[in-house]
Amino acid sequence: MEPILIVLEYLLEVVGPRFVDQMDITTELLRGSNRHCEVSAKRAKAVVKLVREQGRRVGEVAQFLRCDQASISMMLLRASAKERN
């Protein structure tokens, strides 16, 4: 199993059941290409948790989510902008 997948599953299933309840999303949906607003928002939350709180590299998260690093960076920038407002 990929290391980032182990970390994500640990984050979602072990560390915080409340986080899982709030996210209400499966690993498959996070990794999928679904662009619905609800899924995208949850994906962005997971990215923020993995990069900022777990210290994972942007490249690792991008590889796990099957997207490019620029997409992950944009998610982080948008999250920062929301926090500032």
Protein backbone atom coordinates (compact mmCIF):
# COMPACT_ATOMS: atom_id res chain seq x y z
CA MET A 1 0.00 0.00 0.00
CA GLU A 2 1.25 3.51 -0.84
CA PRO A 3 2.56 5.44 2.20
CA ILE A 4 0.30 8.42 1.52
CA LEU A 5 -2.73 6.13 1.31
CA ILE A 6 -1.86 4.70 4.71
CA VAL A 7 -1.55 8.21 6.16
CA LEU A 8 -4.83 9.34 4.63
CA GLU A 9 -6.68 6.29 5.88
CA TYR A 10 -5.13 6.81 9.31
CA LEU A 11 -6.14 10.45 9.27
CA LEU A 12 -9.69 9.71 8.17
CA GLU A 13 -10.42 6.57 10.18
CA VAL A 14 -8.26 6.57 13.30
CA VAL A 15 -7.18 10.07 14.31
CA GLY A 16 -10.52 11.79 14.28
CA PRO A 17 -13.89 10.16 13.88
CA ARG A 18 -15.38 13.66 13.94
CA PHE A 19 -13.23 14.57 10.94
CA VAL A 20 -14.56 11.53 9.08
CA ASP A 21 -18.14 12.43 10.00
CA GLN A 22 -17.62 15.98 8.82
CA MET A 23 -16.04 14.87 5.55
CA ASP A 24 -18.43 11.99 4.84
CA ILE A 25 -16.39 10.93 1.82
CA THR A 26 -14.56 7.83 0.71
CA THR A 27 -10.96 7.54 -0.40
CA GLU A 28 -12.17 6.62 -3.88
CA LEU A 29 -14.11 9.89 -4.19
CA LEU A 30 -11.10 11.89 -2.98
CA ARG A 31 -8.92 10.26 -5.61
CA GLY A 32 -11.54 10.38 -8.34
CA SER A 33 -12.18 13.02 -10.97
CA ASN A 34 -15.53 14.15 -9.57
CA ARG A 35 -15.69 17.95 -9.79
CA HIS A 36 -18.92 18.58 -7.91
CA CYS A 37 -18.65 21.44 -5.44
CA GLU A 38 -19.23 19.24 -2.39
CA VAL A 39 -16.57 16.71 -3.38
CA SER A 40 -14.08 19.43 -4.32
CA ALA A 41 -14.55 21.16 -0.98
CA LYS A 42 -13.95 17.93 0.91
CA ARG A 43 -10.92 17.16 -1.24
CA ALA A 44 -9.52 20.62 -0.42
CA LYS A 45 -10.07 20.02 3.31
CA ALA A 46 -8.19 16.73 3.06
CA VAL A 47 -5.34 18.45 1.20
CA VAL A 48 -5.06 21.13 3.89
CA LYS A 49 -5.04 18.47 6.62
CA LEU A 50 -2.39 16.39 4.86
CA VAL A 51 -0.06 19.23 3.88
CA ARG A 52 -0.38 21.66 6.77
CA GLU A 53 -1.19 19.43 9.71
CA GLN A 54 0.47 16.15 8.72
CA GLY A 55 3.46 17.77 7.00
CA ARG A 56 3.09 15.82 3.78
CA ARG A 57 4.76 17.13 0.64
CA VAL A 58 2.64 18.63 -2.10
CA GLY A 59 4.07 16.10 -4.56
CA GLU A 60 3.02 13.17 -2.39
CA VAL A 61 -0.51 14.46 -2.05
CA ALA A 62 -0.70 15.18 -5.79
CA GLN A 63 0.46 11.66 -6.58
CA PHE A 64 -2.12 10.19 -4.22
CA LEU A 65 -4.95 12.30 -5.66
CA ARG A 66 -3.78 11.61 -9.21
CA CYS A 67 -3.42 15.27 -10.15
CA ASP A 68 -0.59 17.71 -10.68
CA GLN A 69 1.22 19.67 -8.00
CA ALA A 70 -0.17 22.97 -9.30
CA SER A 71 -3.70 21.80 -8.48
CA ILE A 72 -2.71 21.02 -4.91
CA SER A 73 -0.94 24.38 -4.59
CA MET A 74 -4.06 26.16 -5.86
CA MET A 75 -6.21 24.33 -3.29
CA LEU A 76 -3.84 25.48 -0.55
CA LEU A 77 -3.81 29.08 -1.83
CA ARG A 78 -7.60 29.19 -1.97
CA ALA A 79 -7.84 27.74 1.54
CA SER A 80 -5.44 30.43 2.79
CA ALA A 81 -7.49 33.14 1.10
CA LYS A 82 -10.68 31.85 2.74
CA GLU A 83 -8.98 31.82 6.14
CA ARG A 84 -7.87 35.45 5.72
CA ASN A 85 -11.39 36.66 4.89
